[in-house]
Amino acid sequence: LISASVSVIVAQRLIRCDIVDGDFTKRVAVGEILQLDKNIIDLINAETPESVLRERAIASGMTTMKQNAQELLQQNRTTREEISFLLDDEEC
């Protein structure tokens, strides 16, 4: 099984940030890291729905891409529109 040999799953996307004179000046990676502990592995092996698996991962301390992107928003480094576009999420 793959779950027996994988210990971490990393997902990332690049978000445009650091606005100067109305233009973005660079891109920054926003991501999430899922540590595969025994509980998560058991959920994967039980073919648990993705939504439940995600809830459990967040409850175990995983920071999501959306949370990372919102930190950039709070620092005035990006916009809600950029986060919505990046994450296909209208609720940012």
Protein backbone atom coordinates (compact mmCIF):
# COMPACT_ATOMS: atom_id res chain seq x y z
CA LEU A 1 0.00 0.00 0.00
CA ILE A 2 1.13 3.51 -0.75
CA SER A 3 0.10 4.68 2.73
CA ALA A 4 2.75 2.36 4.18
CA SER A 5 5.59 4.17 2.38
CA VAL A 6 4.43 7.81 2.35
CA SER A 7 4.87 9.93 5.49
CA VAL A 8 4.01 13.44 4.26
CA ILE A 9 1.87 14.94 1.52
CA VAL A 10 2.62 18.51 0.41
CA ALA A 11 0.38 20.69 -1.76
CA GLN A 12 1.22 24.21 -2.86
CA ARG A 13 0.24 26.96 -5.25
CA LEU A 14 1.84 30.28 -6.09
CA ILE A 15 -0.11 33.41 -5.22
CA ARG A 16 0.62 36.86 -6.56
CA CYS A 17 1.48 39.28 -3.79
CA ASP A 18 3.26 42.44 -2.68
CA ILE A 19 1.26 45.12 -4.43
CA VAL A 20 3.13 48.25 -5.54
CA ASP A 21 1.31 50.97 -7.49
CA GLY A 22 -1.58 48.59 -8.17
CA ASP A 23 0.58 45.77 -9.58
CA PHE A 24 1.73 42.52 -7.99
CA THR A 25 5.51 42.37 -7.75
CA LYS A 26 6.14 38.70 -6.95
CA ARG A 27 4.68 35.28 -6.21
CA VAL A 28 4.77 33.44 -2.91
CA ALA A 29 4.01 29.78 -2.26
CA VAL A 30 1.00 28.98 -0.12
CA GLY A 31 0.64 25.39 0.87
CA GLU A 32 -0.44 22.72 3.24
CA ILE A 33 1.45 19.78 4.69
CA LEU A 34 -0.34 16.62 5.77
CA GLN A 35 1.62 14.43 8.19
CA LEU A 36 0.47 10.84 7.77
CA ASP A 37 0.18 9.58 11.32
CA LYS A 38 -1.50 6.30 12.23
CA ASN A 39 -4.95 7.90 12.53
CA ILE A 40 -4.75 9.51 9.09
CA ILE A 41 -3.38 6.29 7.53
CA ASP A 42 -6.25 4.32 9.06
CA LEU A 43 -8.73 6.80 7.57
CA ILE A 44 -7.09 6.52 4.15
CA ASN A 45 -7.10 2.71 4.30
CA ALA A 46 -10.78 2.78 5.28
CA GLU A 47 -11.46 4.88 2.16
CA THR A 48 -12.86 7.68 4.31
CA PRO A 49 -14.44 10.50 2.27
CA GLU A 50 -12.09 13.37 1.50
CA SER A 51 -14.18 15.88 3.45
CA VAL A 52 -13.92 13.81 6.64
CA LEU A 53 -10.21 13.16 6.11
CA ARG A 54 -9.64 16.90 5.64
CA GLU A 55 -11.60 17.74 8.82
CA ARG A 56 -9.51 15.27 10.83
CA ALA A 57 -6.26 16.60 9.36
CA ILE A 58 -7.20 20.17 10.28
CA ALA A 59 -8.24 19.05 13.76
CA SER A 60 -4.79 17.45 14.08
CA GLY A 61 -3.10 20.76 13.30
CA MET A 62 -2.78 20.95 9.51
CA THR A 63 -2.78 24.54 8.24
CA THR A 64 -4.64 24.85 4.93
CA MET A 65 -3.70 26.77 1.79
CA LYS A 66 -6.68 29.01 2.43
CA GLN A 67 -5.43 29.84 5.93
CA ASN A 68 -1.96 30.62 4.58
CA ALA A 69 -3.41 32.81 1.84
CA GLN A 70 -5.61 34.66 4.34
CA GLU A 71 -2.50 35.47 6.40
CA LEU A 72 -1.09 37.19 3.32
CA LEU A 73 -4.38 39.07 2.97
CA GLN A 74 -4.23 40.22 6.61
CA GLN A 75 -0.69 41.48 5.96
CA ASN A 76 -2.02 43.44 2.94
CA ARG A 77 0.25 41.45 0.64
CA THR A 78 -2.51 40.11 -1.66
CA THR A 79 -6.20 40.59 -2.44
CA ARG A 80 -9.41 38.63 -1.84
CA GLU A 81 -9.82 38.34 -5.61
CA GLU A 82 -6.39 36.75 -5.96
CA ILE A 83 -7.16 34.22 -3.22
CA SER A 84 -10.57 33.42 -4.73
CA PHE A 85 -8.99 32.92 -8.17
CA LEU A 86 -6.15 30.81 -6.79
CA LEU A 87 -8.31 28.55 -4.64
CA ASP A 88 -11.53 28.57 -6.71
CA ASP A 89 -13.25 29.81 -3.58
CA GLU A 90 -15.80 32.61 -3.48
CA GLU A 91 -15.89 32.68 0.34
CA CYS A 92 -12.45 34.19 0.95
